[in-house]
Protein backbone atom coordinates (compact mmCIF):
# COMPACT_ATOMS: atom_id res chain seq x y z
CA UNK A 1 237.39 181.33 113.14
CA UNK A 2 235.68 184.49 111.93
CA UNK A 3 233.51 186.35 114.41
CA UNK A 4 230.15 187.41 113.01
CA UNK A 5 228.17 189.79 115.18
CA UNK A 6 224.50 188.91 115.36
CA UNK A 7 222.12 191.69 114.38
CA UNK A 8 220.05 191.42 117.55
CA UNK A 9 223.02 191.79 119.92
CA UNK A 10 222.93 195.58 120.30
CA UNK A 11 219.18 195.63 120.94
CA UNK A 12 219.43 192.75 123.43
CA UNK A 13 222.07 194.68 125.36
CA UNK A 14 219.89 197.79 125.41
CA UNK A 15 216.94 195.79 126.75
CA UNK A 16 218.86 194.24 129.65
CA UNK A 17 217.73 195.39 133.06
CA UNK A 18 214.84 197.81 133.55
CA UNK A 19 212.98 195.08 135.45
CA UNK A 20 212.76 192.92 132.33
CA UNK A 21 214.05 189.48 131.42
CA UNK A 22 215.42 188.99 127.90
CA UNK A 23 214.50 185.62 126.39
CA UNK A 24 216.27 184.40 123.25
CA UNK A 25 214.59 181.55 121.38
CA UNK A 26 216.11 179.50 118.60
CA UNK A 27 216.98 175.92 117.62
CA UNK A 28 220.11 174.21 118.84
CA UNK A 29 223.38 175.00 117.08
CA UNK A 30 222.02 178.37 115.90
CA UNK A 31 224.49 180.42 117.96
CA UNK A 32 222.56 181.34 121.12
CA UNK A 33 225.38 180.36 123.45
CA UNK A 34 227.97 182.18 121.33
CA UNK A 35 225.80 185.30 121.38
CA UNK A 36 225.25 185.35 125.14
CA UNK A 37 228.95 184.62 125.77
CA UNK A 38 229.86 187.68 123.68
CA UNK A 39 227.53 189.76 125.80
CA UNK A 40 228.85 188.21 129.01
CA UNK A 41 232.39 189.27 128.08
CA UNK A 42 231.28 192.86 128.64
CA UNK A 43 230.29 192.11 132.24
CA UNK A 44 233.22 191.06 134.46
CA UNK A 45 230.77 190.46 137.30
CA UNK A 46 228.45 187.90 135.68
CA UNK A 47 227.46 184.26 135.96
CA UNK A 48 226.50 181.66 133.36
CA UNK A 49 224.41 178.54 133.93
CA UNK A 50 224.03 175.78 131.33
CA UNK A 51 220.83 173.90 132.12
CA UNK A 52 221.70 171.08 129.74
CA UNK A 53 223.59 169.81 132.77
CA UNK A 54 221.01 168.09 135.03
CA UNK A 55 222.52 169.29 138.30
CA UNK A 56 222.48 172.90 137.05
CA UNK A 57 218.84 172.64 135.95
CA UNK A 58 217.96 171.23 139.38
CA UNK A 59 219.38 174.35 141.07
CA UNK A 60 216.56 176.46 139.58
CA UNK A 61 213.67 174.07 140.10
CA UNK A 62 211.10 174.86 142.81
CA UNK A 63 213.42 177.13 144.78
CA UNK A 64 212.66 179.94 147.20
CA UNK A 65 213.90 183.48 146.59
CA UNK A 66 216.48 182.92 149.35
CA UNK A 67 217.82 179.82 147.59
CA UNK A 68 217.87 181.62 144.25
CA UNK A 69 219.82 184.50 145.78
CA UNK A 70 222.73 182.12 146.39
CA UNK A 71 222.82 181.40 142.63
CA UNK A 72 223.04 185.10 141.83
CA UNK A 73 225.61 186.13 144.40
CA UNK A 74 226.91 189.60 143.56
CA UNK A 75 226.48 189.19 139.81
CA UNK A 76 225.32 192.07 137.64
CA UNK A 77 224.32 189.73 134.78
CA UNK A 78 222.94 186.20 134.99
CA UNK A 79 222.60 183.95 131.93
CA UNK A 80 220.44 180.82 132.01
CA UNK A 81 221.19 178.82 128.86
CA UNK A 82 218.76 176.12 127.60
CA UNK A 83 216.25 177.20 130.24
CA UNK A 84 213.57 174.88 128.84
CA UNK A 85 215.32 172.10 130.78
CA UNK A 86 214.06 173.60 134.07
CA UNK A 87 210.56 172.60 135.10
CA UNK A 88 208.42 175.66 135.93
CA UNK A 89 211.28 177.97 134.96
CA UNK A 90 208.83 180.86 134.64
CA UNK A 91 208.05 180.85 138.35
CA UNK A 92 211.76 180.83 139.22
CA UNK A 93 212.43 183.72 136.84
CA UNK A 94 209.49 185.65 138.29
CA UNK A 95 210.89 185.25 141.80
CA UNK A 96 214.30 186.42 140.64
CA UNK A 97 213.11 189.54 138.80
CA UNK A 98 210.62 190.46 141.57
CA UNK A 99 213.24 190.19 144.30
CA UNK A 100 216.25 191.45 142.33
CA UNK A 101 214.84 194.04 139.88
CA UNK A 102 218.27 195.54 139.11
CA UNK A 103 219.70 192.21 137.95
CA UNK A 104 220.22 191.80 134.21
CA UNK A 105 218.92 188.40 133.07
CA UNK A 106 219.11 186.50 129.78
CA UNK A 107 217.37 183.15 129.35
CA UNK A 108 217.72 181.10 126.19
CA UNK A 109 215.63 178.21 124.92
CA UNK A 110 215.83 175.83 121.99
CA UNK A 111 212.13 175.04 121.97
CA UNK A 112 209.61 177.83 122.26
CA UNK A 113 206.70 175.42 122.80
CA UNK A 114 208.24 174.27 126.09
CA UNK A 115 209.86 177.46 127.34
CA UNK A 116 207.06 179.82 126.29
CA UNK A 117 204.38 177.70 127.95
CA UNK A 118 206.30 177.83 131.22
CA UNK A 119 207.14 181.53 131.24
CA UNK A 120 204.44 183.45 129.37
CA UNK A 121 201.94 183.67 132.22
CA UNK A 122 204.34 184.15 135.16
CA UNK A 123 206.34 186.77 133.26
CA UNK A 124 203.51 188.78 131.73
CA UNK A 125 204.85 192.32 131.32
CA UNK A 126 208.31 191.30 132.53
CA UNK A 127 209.73 189.68 129.38
CA UNK A 128 211.24 190.83 126.07
CA UNK A 129 211.72 188.00 123.59
CA UNK A 130 213.84 187.52 120.47
CA UNK A 131 214.18 184.74 117.93
CA UNK A 132 217.67 183.89 116.67
CA UNK A 133 217.69 182.49 113.13
CA UNK A 134 220.41 181.05 110.89
CA UNK A 135 222.85 183.68 109.62
CA UNK A 136 221.20 186.31 107.45
CA UNK A 137 222.91 187.71 104.37
CA UNK A 138 223.08 191.02 106.20
CA UNK A 139 225.12 189.36 108.96
CA UNK A 140 227.33 187.48 106.49
CA UNK A 141 228.11 190.75 104.71
CA UNK A 142 230.48 191.42 107.66
CA UNK A 143 232.91 188.86 106.23
CA UNK A 144 231.87 188.59 102.56
CA UNK A 145 231.63 191.28 99.91
CA UNK A 146 228.49 191.57 97.73
CA UNK A 147 230.43 189.90 94.91
CA UNK A 148 231.43 186.99 97.15
CA UNK A 149 227.85 186.57 98.39
CA UNK A 150 226.64 186.56 94.80
CA UNK A 151 229.10 183.81 93.92
CA UNK A 152 228.04 181.80 96.98
CA UNK A 153 224.30 182.13 96.39
CA UNK A 154 223.87 178.65 94.94
CA UNK A 155 225.91 177.20 97.82
CA UNK A 156 223.54 178.80 100.36
CA UNK A 157 220.56 177.34 98.49
CA UNK A 158 221.98 173.86 99.02
CA UNK A 159 223.63 173.99 102.46
CA UNK A 160 221.83 176.85 104.22
CA UNK A 161 223.32 179.27 106.72
CA UNK A 162 223.63 177.54 110.09
CA UNK A 163 226.74 179.07 111.74
CA UNK A 164 228.76 175.86 111.94
CA UNK A 165 227.93 175.03 108.32
CA UNK A 166 228.99 178.45 107.00
CA UNK A 167 232.19 178.52 109.03
CA UNK A 168 233.18 174.94 108.10
CA UNK A 169 232.26 174.62 104.44
CA UNK A 170 234.54 171.60 103.88
CA UNK A 171 232.05 169.40 105.79
CA UNK A 172 228.82 171.30 105.11
CA UNK A 173 226.69 168.28 104.17
CA UNK A 174 227.88 166.26 107.15
CA UNK A 175 227.36 169.09 109.64
CA UNK A 176 223.84 170.03 108.55
CA UNK A 177 222.84 166.36 108.41
CA UNK A 178 224.05 165.88 112.00
CA UNK A 179 222.26 169.03 113.15
CA UNK A 180 219.03 167.86 111.52
CA UNK A 181 219.16 164.33 112.87
CA UNK A 182 220.79 164.85 116.26
CA UNK A 183 219.27 168.13 117.43
CA UNK A 184 216.19 169.46 115.64
CA UNK A 185 214.51 166.13 115.07
CA UNK A 186 215.34 164.49 118.40
CA UNK A 187 214.53 167.61 120.43
CA UNK A 188 211.01 167.51 119.04
CA UNK A 189 210.59 163.89 120.08
CA UNK A 190 212.10 164.53 123.52
CA UNK A 191 210.24 167.65 124.57
CA UNK A 192 206.83 166.68 123.29
CA UNK A 193 207.17 163.02 124.26
CA UNK A 194 206.06 162.02 120.79
CA UNK A 195 206.40 158.30 120.26
CA UNK A 196 205.64 157.97 116.56
CA UNK A 197 209.10 158.77 115.25
CA UNK A 198 208.49 157.28 111.80
CA UNK A 199 205.33 159.36 111.20
CA UNK A 200 207.03 162.65 112.12
CA UNK A 201 209.95 161.87 109.86
CA UNK A 202 207.60 161.02 106.99
CA UNK A 203 205.74 164.29 107.59
CA UNK A 204 208.99 166.27 107.51
CA UNK A 205 209.98 164.59 104.26
CA UNK A 206 206.56 165.25 102.73
CA UNK A 207 206.79 168.93 103.68
CA UNK A 208 210.34 169.11 102.34
CA UNK A 209 209.13 167.88 98.96
CA UNK A 210 206.36 170.50 98.82
CA UNK A 211 208.19 173.77 99.52
CA UNK A 212 206.78 176.59 97.43
CA UNK A 213 203.56 174.66 96.87
CA UNK A 214 200.20 174.94 98.54
CA UNK A 215 199.91 172.26 101.21
CA UNK A 216 196.82 170.16 101.85
CA UNK A 217 196.46 168.63 105.29
CA UNK A 218 194.18 166.03 103.75
CA UNK A 219 196.89 164.99 101.31
CA UNK A 220 199.55 165.05 104.04
CA UNK A 221 197.37 162.81 106.21
CA UNK A 222 197.08 160.32 103.34
CA UNK A 223 200.82 160.36 102.65
CA UNK A 224 201.88 160.04 106.28
CA UNK A 225 199.13 157.68 107.42
CA UNK A 226 197.67 159.71 110.30
CA UNK A 227 194.53 161.84 110.67
CA UNK A 228 194.34 165.55 109.79
CA UNK A 229 194.02 166.60 113.45
CA UNK A 230 197.34 164.93 114.25
CA UNK A 231 198.92 166.47 111.14
CA UNK A 232 197.83 169.92 112.36
CA UNK A 233 199.25 169.23 115.83
CA UNK A 234 202.59 168.03 114.49
CA UNK A 235 202.92 171.02 112.17
CA UNK A 236 202.31 173.39 115.10
CA UNK A 237 205.04 171.59 117.06
CA UNK A 238 207.45 171.80 114.13
CA UNK A 239 206.75 175.53 113.90
CA UNK A 240 207.41 176.09 117.57
CA UNK A 241 210.61 174.09 117.29
CA UNK A 242 211.86 176.54 114.61
CA UNK A 243 211.97 173.92 111.87
CA UNK A 244 209.20 175.27 109.61
CA UNK A 245 206.95 178.30 109.26
CA UNK A 246 203.59 178.78 107.59
CA UNK A 247 202.64 181.42 105.07
CA UNK A 248 198.84 181.93 105.05
CA UNK A 249 196.85 183.17 102.05
CA UNK A 250 195.86 186.82 101.75
CA UNK A 251 192.08 186.56 101.82
CA UNK A 252 189.96 189.68 101.61
CA UNK A 253 187.66 188.85 98.69
CA UNK A 254 185.73 185.59 99.23
CA UNK A 255 184.37 185.53 95.69
CA UNK A 256 187.78 185.67 94.03
CA UNK A 257 190.51 184.51 96.43
CA UNK A 258 191.39 181.14 97.95
CA UNK A 259 191.18 181.02 101.74
CA UNK A 260 191.83 177.52 103.08
CA UNK A 261 195.27 176.80 101.70
CA UNK A 262 198.70 177.50 103.12
CA UNK A 263 202.35 177.25 102.14
CA UNK A 264 204.97 175.78 104.46
CA UNK A 265 208.67 176.61 104.31
CA UNK A 266 211.76 175.56 106.24
CA UNK A 267 213.78 178.17 108.12
CA UNK A 268 216.96 176.74 106.61
CA UNK A 269 217.61 175.29 103.15
CA UNK A 270 220.27 172.94 104.48
CA UNK A 271 217.83 171.33 106.91
CA UNK A 272 215.35 170.86 104.09
CA UNK A 273 217.93 169.24 101.81
CA UNK A 274 219.19 167.01 104.62
CA UNK A 275 215.66 165.66 105.08
CA UNK A 276 215.46 164.60 101.43
CA UNK A 277 219.17 163.63 101.37
CA UNK A 278 219.88 165.75 98.30
CA UNK A 279 222.96 167.95 98.26
CA UNK A 280 223.40 167.96 94.48
CA UNK A 281 224.77 171.17 92.99
CA UNK A 282 222.33 173.79 91.71
CA UNK A 283 222.73 172.99 87.96
CA UNK A 284 221.67 169.39 88.65
CA UNK A 285 218.48 170.29 90.54
CA UNK A 286 214.93 170.40 89.27
CA UNK A 287 213.83 172.09 92.52
CA UNK A 288 216.22 175.05 92.36
CA UNK A 289 213.40 177.55 91.80
CA UNK A 290 211.60 176.36 94.94
CA UNK A 291 214.85 176.43 96.90
CA UNK A 292 215.47 180.02 95.84
CA UNK A 293 211.92 181.01 96.81
CA UNK A 294 212.27 179.41 100.25
CA UNK A 295 215.70 180.97 100.81
CA UNK A 296 214.55 184.48 99.91
CA UNK A 297 211.38 184.33 102.01
CA UNK A 298 213.07 182.82 105.08
CA UNK A 299 215.95 185.31 104.85
CA UNK A 300 213.61 188.27 104.40
CA UNK A 301 211.46 187.29 107.39
CA UNK A 302 214.56 186.76 109.57
CA UNK A 303 216.04 190.11 108.50
CA UNK A 304 212.80 191.94 109.28
CA UNK A 305 212.43 190.11 112.59
CA UNK A 306 215.98 191.10 113.59
CA UNK A 307 215.09 194.75 113.04
CA UNK A 308 211.86 194.32 115.06
CA UNK A 309 209.75 195.28 112.05
CA UNK A 310 206.03 194.84 112.61
CA UNK A 311 204.37 193.26 109.59
CA UNK A 312 202.14 190.45 108.41
CA UNK A 313 203.21 188.05 105.66
CA UNK A 314 201.13 186.11 103.12
CA UNK A 315 201.01 184.58 99.67
CA UNK A 316 198.17 185.35 97.25
CA UNK A 317 196.20 183.34 94.72
CA UNK A 318 192.83 183.88 93.11
CA UNK A 319 190.38 181.21 92.04
CA UNK A 320 191.38 182.09 88.49
CA UNK A 321 195.07 181.27 89.15
CA UNK A 322 196.55 184.75 89.44
CA UNK A 323 199.19 184.54 92.15
CA UNK A 324 202.01 186.27 94.00
CA UNK A 325 204.65 184.35 95.97
CA UNK A 326 205.15 186.65 98.93
CA UNK A 327 203.32 189.64 100.39
CA UNK A 328 204.13 191.97 103.27
CA UNK A 329 201.52 194.12 104.96
CA UNK A 330 202.77 197.05 107.00
CA UNK A 331 200.87 200.12 108.06
CA UNK A 332 197.87 199.01 106.04
CA UNK A 333 199.86 198.84 102.78
CA UNK A 334 200.39 195.65 100.79
CA UNK A 335 203.67 194.98 98.99
CA UNK A 336 203.74 191.93 96.73
CA UNK A 337 206.85 190.15 95.41
CA UNK A 338 207.22 187.45 92.78
CA UNK A 339 210.39 185.41 93.36
CA UNK A 340 212.19 183.93 90.33
CA UNK A 341 215.54 182.15 90.30
CA UNK A 342 216.44 183.24 86.77
CA UNK A 343 216.50 186.63 85.10
CA UNK A 344 212.89 186.51 83.91
CA UNK A 345 210.73 189.43 85.07
CA UNK A 346 207.06 188.39 85.23
CA UNK A 347 204.32 190.95 84.81
CA UNK A 348 202.14 192.14 87.65
CA UNK A 349 198.93 190.05 87.81
CA UNK A 350 196.09 192.19 86.46
CA UNK A 351 193.69 191.59 89.39
CA UNK A 352 196.29 192.59 92.00
CA UNK A 353 196.05 196.38 91.80
CA UNK A 354 192.39 196.16 90.89
CA UNK A 355 191.57 194.36 94.13
CA UNK A 356 194.13 196.22 96.24
CA UNK A 357 194.46 199.88 95.40
CA UNK A 358 197.79 201.52 96.27
CA UNK A 359 199.49 198.13 96.63
CA UNK A 360 202.91 197.56 95.05
CA UNK A 361 204.40 194.72 93.03
CA UNK A 362 208.04 193.79 92.49
CA UNK A 363 210.21 190.92 91.33
CA UNK A 364 213.08 189.36 93.28
CA UNK A 365 215.55 187.47 91.10
CA UNK A 366 219.22 186.55 90.78
CA UNK A 367 220.11 190.17 89.97
CA UNK A 368 218.49 192.06 92.83
CA UNK A 369 218.14 189.54 95.67
CA UNK A 370 220.87 191.13 97.81
CA UNK A 371 219.11 194.49 97.79
CA UNK A 372 215.88 192.77 98.87
CA UNK A 373 217.77 191.20 101.79
CA UNK A 374 219.30 194.50 102.88
CA UNK A 375 222.86 193.60 101.89
CA UNK A 376 223.46 196.48 99.49
């Protein structure tokens, strides 16, 4: 099996120690364990705990610093995998780092809503966090040439870039369907103790059918059969479980721009297609443009996140229907991008530079998408 080095690995290694705990978030099957095992290989004197095992999780729960010391032993590096399984894990980690400041510690979690709530307050000023996403094109360029990536583009639009999917293409549909149904979906129900399984699944399907479109919570509530407040709550949970992310509108001119809408995308195209049970090839799809838009935006955000780039992201639409798919704001400058699956190059909307002086506008399409994703 090919070894693909994750972009964040070098920075994670640099951040170890210094009285800080490194926390790596990400959904199950995204490669967190593989990443931390690669790092562990560099430390002969290290210890790894998998808290998916109930007896291991119990070792960290409500323990004194003396009891925790026995878990560390003489280790230079300690890894706590799936730390969200440990109740009040933040207090245990605080005791460890306060009493053993020279110890290097990595904690991973598959659900930020659970892990973050338990560690944010106890570890204020003591934590450095990362989010691990599906493979980026930049990471896959380690094993594929630009030409090969170009030829595989349509495949990525259908099956996504989860590690196991990419490395086992012969069973791509089966693998991503199992990941979606057995991990992402069930983890949400388990950790949030949500009982209405049918409603969440209907919400996921409704969102999957609206990628690239502006989403109305009112319409979602009608489709799913629950109130808007519950829709909002479920969407926040899905975000924190690394299933979806929201793109808010750029809103600086109340007289001309829309302000109350939002777009919702999936982090992975394969997960989206599994939810609607559609793995048809690209030429047979009527949603290929939306799939390309989602793929480019999710990949771009993951690539920028891996490099620790500080920026805000939006979409833009005026009340007179001028629009731009994706906008990045960095250092006070706005950069807008229209994303088109084909070769067509749309013109810059006339109000864009009028409303936002010194902003830029570009087009991402099938010819230049690799450059946009930092592959070449």
